[in-house]
Amino acid sequence: MALISTISKNGVLNVAPWSNITPILRPLEEIVMASWIKRDTLDNIRDTGEFVINIPPVEMSEKVMISSKNFQADVDEFKEAGLSPRRSSMIAPPGVEGCLAWAESSFIEEIARDRFSLIIGKVVNLEVDDRFFNDNGEMDYEKAKPMSCILGAKGLEFTYPANSGKKASYSEMMLR
């Protein structure tokens, strides 16, 4: 689960939860995310070509719920949800203060369907809160508690991942 932050062509801040985001292979250079056709976030990405993928901790669940509401396009959703903007380094839209990581991204391509679009973006700057990552860039999941969610027929439940204790290198997955 992530929060996508954007800014409209009129300068209005927008933030919305997103559960359909994935990196396109490794290293983390490009991402793909699915969007319903009618979303202010999608309109802002189309109009400005920029967005930030913010990884919130589970403690932000109340603010994430507020940001999920369908506000009018001229409403500052950061303000409504009680979130503070975090200045981005490479793009105009701010990230969300208090998150665990921020992937400043630029729009590459949209693949449109009847009810949804797939947005492909390029990560132009990636920053993390060093308190939750080691020198190799690995997150301490137990300490960070990155928010995730389980979607059901009647709603969703906020969760966070736990380390199973099993690690595997990518080379272990390759046939020789």
C-alpha atoms as a PDB file:
ATOM      1  CA  MET A   1       0.000   0.000   0.000  1.00  0.00           C
ATOM      2  CA  ALA A   2       1.215   3.473  -0.824  1.00  0.00           C
ATOM      3  CA  LEU A   3       0.073   7.060  -0.884  1.00  0.00           C
ATOM      4  CA  ILE A   4       0.382   8.773  -4.246  1.00  0.00           C
ATOM      5  CA  SER A   5       0.896  12.517  -3.964  1.00  0.00           C
ATOM      6  CA  THR A   6       0.413  14.878  -6.878  1.00  0.00           C
ATOM      7  CA  ILE A   7      -0.189  18.538  -7.535  1.00  0.00           C
ATOM      8  CA  SER A   8      -2.796  19.778  -9.994  1.00  0.00           C
ATOM      9  CA  LYS A   9      -2.024  22.166 -12.835  1.00  0.00           C
ATOM     10  CA  ASN A  10      -3.741  24.788 -10.610  1.00  0.00           C
ATOM     11  CA  GLY A  11      -1.389  24.044  -7.675  1.00  0.00           C
ATOM     12  CA  VAL A  12      -3.826  22.036  -5.511  1.00  0.00           C
ATOM     13  CA  LEU A  13      -2.189  19.262  -3.456  1.00  0.00           C
ATOM     14  CA  ASN A  14      -3.673  15.790  -3.853  1.00  0.00           C
ATOM     15  CA  VAL A  15      -2.938  12.578  -1.972  1.00  0.00           C
ATOM     16  CA  ALA A  16      -4.647   9.208  -2.297  1.00  0.00           C
ATOM     17  CA  PRO A  17      -4.017   5.618  -1.177  1.00  0.00           C
ATOM     18  CA  TRP A  18      -3.019   3.151  -3.855  1.00  0.00           C
ATOM     19  CA  SER A  19      -2.821  -0.616  -3.491  1.00  0.00           C
ATOM     20  CA  ASN A  20      -1.912  -1.572  -7.057  1.00  0.00           C
ATOM     21  CA  ILE A  21       1.738  -0.571  -7.554  1.00  0.00           C
ATOM     22  CA  THR A  22       4.640  -2.801  -8.473  1.00  0.00           C
ATOM     23  CA  PRO A  23       8.227  -2.341  -9.643  1.00  0.00           C
ATOM     24  CA  ILE A  24       8.947  -3.499 -13.186  1.00  0.00           C
ATOM     25  CA  LEU A  25      11.789  -5.924 -12.516  1.00  0.00           C
ATOM     26  CA  ARG A  26      14.978  -4.852 -10.721  1.00  0.00           C
ATOM     27  CA  PRO A  27      16.604  -2.458 -10.078  1.00  0.00           C
ATOM     28  CA  LEU A  28      13.758  -0.158  -9.054  1.00  0.00           C
ATOM     29  CA  GLU A  29      13.734   2.097 -12.094  1.00  0.00           C
ATOM     30  CA  GLU A  30      10.242   1.837 -13.498  1.00  0.00           C
ATOM     31  CA  ILE A  31       6.942   1.080 -11.811  1.00  0.00           C
ATOM     32  CA  VAL A  32       3.452   0.256 -12.997  1.00  0.00           C
ATOM     33  CA  MET A  33       0.275   1.174 -11.160  1.00  0.00           C
ATOM     34  CA  ALA A  34      -3.390   0.551 -11.907  1.00  0.00           C
ATOM     35  CA  SER A  35      -5.973   3.306 -11.613  1.00  0.00           C
ATOM     36  CA  TRP A  36      -9.697   3.674 -12.041  1.00  0.00           C
ATOM     37  CA  ILE A  37     -10.355   5.992 -14.987  1.00  0.00           C
ATOM     38  CA  LYS A  38     -11.951   8.786 -12.919  1.00  0.00           C
ATOM     39  CA  ARG A  39      -9.394   9.836 -10.297  1.00  0.00           C
ATOM     40  CA  ASP A  40      -8.011  13.302  -9.561  1.00  0.00           C
ATOM     41  CA  THR A  41      -4.630  11.656  -9.025  1.00  0.00           C
ATOM     42  CA  LEU A  42      -4.692  10.199 -12.542  1.00  0.00           C
ATOM     43  CA  ASP A  43      -5.753  13.561 -14.021  1.00  0.00           C
ATOM     44  CA  ASN A  44      -2.869  15.278 -12.192  1.00  0.00           C
ATOM     45  CA  ILE A  45      -0.347  12.706 -13.419  1.00  0.00           C
ATOM     46  CA  ARG A  46      -1.581  13.172 -16.987  1.00  0.00           C
ATOM     47  CA  ASP A  47      -1.504  16.992 -16.676  1.00  0.00           C
ATOM     48  CA  THR A  48       1.855  17.435 -14.918  1.00  0.00           C
ATOM     49  CA  GLY A  49       3.731  14.204 -15.644  1.00  0.00           C
ATOM     50  CA  GLU A  50       4.885  13.858 -12.024  1.00  0.00           C
ATOM     51  CA  PHE A  51       3.938  12.021  -8.812  1.00  0.00           C
ATOM     52  CA  VAL A  52       5.449  10.675  -5.596  1.00  0.00           C
ATOM     53  CA  ILE A  53       4.968   7.147  -4.287  1.00  0.00           C
ATOM     54  CA  ASN A  54       5.013   7.419  -0.476  1.00  0.00           C
ATOM     55  CA  ILE A  55       5.261   4.325   1.749  1.00  0.00           C
ATOM     56  CA  PRO A  56       3.360   5.046   4.984  1.00  0.00           C
ATOM     57  CA  PRO A  57       3.780   3.218   8.282  1.00  0.00           C
ATOM     58  CA  VAL A  58       0.696   1.465   9.635  1.00  0.00           C
ATOM     59  CA  GLU A  59       0.373   4.188  12.289  1.00  0.00           C
ATOM     60  CA  MET A  60      -0.878   6.522   9.528  1.00  0.00           C
ATOM     61  CA  SER A  61      -3.994   4.407   8.842  1.00  0.00           C
ATOM     62  CA  GLU A  62      -6.480   7.051  10.083  1.00  0.00           C
ATOM     63  CA  LYS A  63      -4.973   9.739   7.854  1.00  0.00           C
ATOM     64  CA  VAL A  64      -4.836   7.312   4.926  1.00  0.00           C
ATOM     65  CA  MET A  65      -8.560   6.629   5.376  1.00  0.00           C
ATOM     66  CA  ILE A  66      -9.324  10.355   5.250  1.00  0.00           C
ATOM     67  CA  SER A  67      -7.231  10.716   2.087  1.00  0.00           C
ATOM     68  CA  SER A  68      -9.237   7.914   0.453  1.00  0.00           C
ATOM     69  CA  LYS A  69     -12.429  10.005   0.428  1.00  0.00           C
ATOM     70  CA  ASN A  70     -13.662  11.388  -2.870  1.00  0.00           C
ATOM     71  CA  PHE A  71     -12.940  15.105  -2.364  1.00  0.00           C
ATOM     72  CA  GLN A  72     -13.566  17.683  -5.080  1.00  0.00           C
ATOM     73  CA  ALA A  73     -10.537  18.388  -7.292  1.00  0.00           C
ATOM     74  CA  ASP A  74     -10.043  21.863  -5.775  1.00  0.00           C
ATOM     75  CA  VAL A  75      -9.662  20.551  -2.191  1.00  0.00           C
ATOM     76  CA  ASP A  76      -6.175  20.298  -0.619  1.00  0.00           C
ATOM     77  CA  GLU A  77      -6.267  16.666   0.510  1.00  0.00           C
ATOM     78  CA  PHE A  78      -3.059  17.012   2.554  1.00  0.00           C
ATOM     79  CA  LYS A  79      -4.868  19.565   4.702  1.00  0.00           C
ATOM     80  CA  GLU A  80      -8.061  17.476   4.955  1.00  0.00           C
ATOM     81  CA  ALA A  81      -6.128  14.374   6.064  1.00  0.00           C
ATOM     82  CA  GLY A  82      -3.815  16.249   8.436  1.00  0.00           C
ATOM     83  CA  LEU A  83      -0.728  15.312   6.396  1.00  0.00           C
ATOM     84  CA  SER A  84       2.347  17.515   6.009  1.00  0.00           C
ATOM     85  CA  PRO A  85       4.018  17.970   2.624  1.00  0.00           C
ATOM     86  CA  ARG A  86       7.683  16.954   2.306  1.00  0.00           C
ATOM     87  CA  ARG A  87       9.694  18.859  -0.294  1.00  0.00           C
ATOM     88  CA  SER A  88      10.730  16.731  -3.256  1.00  0.00           C
ATOM     89  CA  SER A  89      14.252  16.964  -4.689  1.00  0.00           C
ATOM     90  CA  MET A  90      13.616  16.443  -8.406  1.00  0.00           C
ATOM     91  CA  ILE A  91       9.931  17.142  -9.081  1.00  0.00           C
ATOM     92  CA  ALA A  92       7.211  19.632  -8.098  1.00  0.00           C
ATOM     93  CA  PRO A  93       4.732  17.443  -6.160  1.00  0.00           C
ATOM     94  CA  PRO A  94       5.685  17.014  -2.511  1.00  0.00           C
ATOM     95  CA  GLY A  95       5.974  13.722  -0.730  1.00  0.00           C
ATOM     96  CA  VAL A  96       4.217  12.963   2.557  1.00  0.00           C
ATOM     97  CA  GLU A  97       6.138  13.724   5.749  1.00  0.00           C
ATOM     98  CA  GLY A  98       6.301  10.788   8.177  1.00  0.00           C
ATOM     99  CA  CYS A  99       6.456   8.101   5.502  1.00  0.00           C
ATOM    100  CA  LEU A 100       9.164   5.445   5.337  1.00  0.00           C
ATOM    101  CA  ALA A 101      10.214   6.035   1.726  1.00  0.00           C
ATOM    102  CA  TRP A 102       9.526   8.403  -1.162  1.00  0.00           C
ATOM    103  CA  ALA A 103       9.889   7.562  -4.858  1.00  0.00           C
ATOM    104  CA  GLU A 104       9.725  10.734  -6.918  1.00  0.00           C
ATOM    105  CA  SER A 105       8.486   9.624 -10.320  1.00  0.00           C
ATOM    106  CA  SER A 106       7.807  10.886 -13.807  1.00  0.00           C
ATOM    107  CA  PHE A 107       5.038   9.698 -16.107  1.00  0.00           C
ATOM    108  CA  ILE A 108       6.176   7.548 -19.060  1.00  0.00           C
ATOM    109  CA  GLU A 109       3.115   5.859 -20.540  1.00  0.00           C
ATOM    110  CA  GLU A 110      -0.560   5.142 -20.005  1.00  0.00           C
ATOM    111  CA  ILE A 111      -2.223   1.945 -21.166  1.00  0.00           C
ATOM    112  CA  ALA A 112      -5.957   2.738 -21.138  1.00  0.00           C
ATOM    113  CA  ARG A 113      -8.808   0.245 -20.874  1.00  0.00           C
ATOM    114  CA  ASP A 114     -12.560   0.797 -20.451  1.00  0.00           C
ATOM    115  CA  ARG A 115     -12.609   0.935 -16.635  1.00  0.00           C
ATOM    116  CA  PHE A 116      -8.957   1.384 -15.683  1.00  0.00           C
ATOM    117  CA  SER A 117      -5.561   2.563 -16.830  1.00  0.00           C
ATOM    118  CA  LEU A 118      -2.092   1.245 -16.216  1.00  0.00           C
ATOM    119  CA  ILE A 119       0.391   4.029 -15.556  1.00  0.00           C
ATOM    120  CA  ILE A 120       4.074   3.381 -16.137  1.00  0.00           C
ATOM    121  CA  GLY A 121       6.418   5.739 -14.345  1.00  0.00           C
ATOM    122  CA  LYS A 122      10.149   6.205 -13.979  1.00  0.00           C
ATOM    123  CA  VAL A 123      11.587   6.658 -10.489  1.00  0.00           C
ATOM    124  CA  VAL A 124      13.815   9.753 -10.765  1.00  0.00           C
ATOM    125  CA  ASN A 125      14.732  10.003  -7.074  1.00  0.00           C
ATOM    126  CA  LEU A 126      14.354   7.509  -4.232  1.00  0.00           C
ATOM    127  CA  GLU A 127      14.793   8.484  -0.588  1.00  0.00           C
ATOM    128  CA  VAL A 128      14.223   6.513   2.601  1.00  0.00           C
ATOM    129  CA  ASP A 129      14.013   7.258   6.303  1.00  0.00           C
ATOM    130  CA  ASP A 130      17.392   5.909   7.412  1.00  0.00           C
ATOM    131  CA  ARG A 131      16.026   4.976  10.850  1.00  0.00           C
ATOM    132  CA  PHE A 132      14.272   1.989   9.236  1.00  0.00           C
ATOM    133  CA  PHE A 133      16.898   0.796   6.720  1.00  0.00           C
ATOM    134  CA  ASN A 134      20.328  -0.801   7.079  1.00  0.00           C
ATOM    135  CA  ASP A 135      23.461   0.057   5.083  1.00  0.00           C
ATOM    136  CA  ASN A 136      22.406  -2.370   2.316  1.00  0.00           C
ATOM    137  CA  GLY A 137      19.077  -0.588   1.872  1.00  0.00           C
ATOM    138  CA  GLU A 138      17.071  -3.374   3.514  1.00  0.00           C
ATOM    139  CA  MET A 139      14.063  -2.332   5.577  1.00  0.00           C
ATOM    140  CA  ASP A 140      13.627  -3.456   9.175  1.00  0.00           C
ATOM    141  CA  TYR A 141       9.962  -4.511   8.772  1.00  0.00           C
ATOM    142  CA  GLU A 142       9.439  -5.140  12.467  1.00  0.00           C
ATOM    143  CA  LYS A 143      10.510  -1.605  13.339  1.00  0.00           C
ATOM    144  CA  ALA A 144       9.079   0.239  10.303  1.00  0.00           C
ATOM    145  CA  LYS A 145       5.701  -1.534  10.035  1.00  0.00           C
ATOM    146  CA  PRO A 146       5.016  -0.472   6.430  1.00  0.00           C
ATOM    147  CA  MET A 147       1.295  -0.309   5.778  1.00  0.00           C
ATOM    148  CA  SER A 148      -0.304  -2.917   3.583  1.00  0.00           C
ATOM    149  CA  CYS A 149      -3.910  -3.935   3.202  1.00  0.00           C
ATOM    150  CA  ILE A 150      -6.041  -6.963   2.553  1.00  0.00           C
ATOM    151  CA  LEU A 151      -8.973  -6.253   0.275  1.00  0.00           C
ATOM    152  CA  GLY A 152     -12.263  -8.051   0.839  1.00  0.00           C
ATOM    153  CA  ALA A 153     -15.774  -8.023  -0.575  1.00  0.00           C
ATOM    154  CA  LYS A 154     -16.997  -5.428   1.939  1.00  0.00           C
ATOM    155  CA  GLY A 155     -13.877  -3.326   2.499  1.00  0.00           C
ATOM    156  CA  LEU A 156     -10.271  -3.533   3.502  1.00  0.00           C
ATOM    157  CA  GLU A 157      -8.176  -4.254   6.541  1.00  0.00           C
ATOM    158  CA  PHE A 158      -4.909  -2.455   7.227  1.00  0.00           C
ATOM    159  CA  THR A 159      -2.010  -4.761   8.004  1.00  0.00           C
ATOM    160  CA  TYR A 160       1.767  -4.719   7.973  1.00  0.00           C
ATOM    161  CA  PRO A 161       4.247  -7.388   6.878  1.00  0.00           C
ATOM    162  CA  ALA A 162       6.293  -9.485   9.256  1.00  0.00           C
ATOM    163  CA  ASN A 163       9.602 -11.115   8.477  1.00  0.00           C
ATOM    164  CA  SER A 164       9.278 -14.890   8.130  1.00  0.00           C
ATOM    165  CA  GLY A 165      12.962 -15.387   8.910  1.00  0.00           C
ATOM    166  CA  LYS A 166      13.684 -16.918   5.484  1.00  0.00           C
ATOM    167  CA  LYS A 167      15.983 -15.102   3.074  1.00  0.00           C
ATOM    168  CA  ALA A 168      16.940 -16.090  -0.446  1.00  0.00           C
ATOM    169  CA  SER A 169      19.255 -14.513  -2.982  1.00  0.00           C
ATOM    170  CA  TYR A 170      18.015 -13.930  -6.511  1.00  0.00           C
ATOM    171  CA  SER A 171      20.632 -16.397  -7.749  1.00  0.00           C
ATOM    172  CA  GLU A 172      18.891 -19.182  -5.777  1.00  0.00           C
ATOM    173  CA  MET A 173      15.840 -18.739  -7.998  1.00  0.00           C
ATOM    174  CA  MET A 174      17.700 -19.127 -11.297  1.00  0.00           C
ATOM    175  CA  LEU A 175      18.155 -22.398 -13.114  1.00  0.00           C
ATOM    176  CA  ARG A 176      21.731 -22.996 -14.180  1.00  0.00           C
END
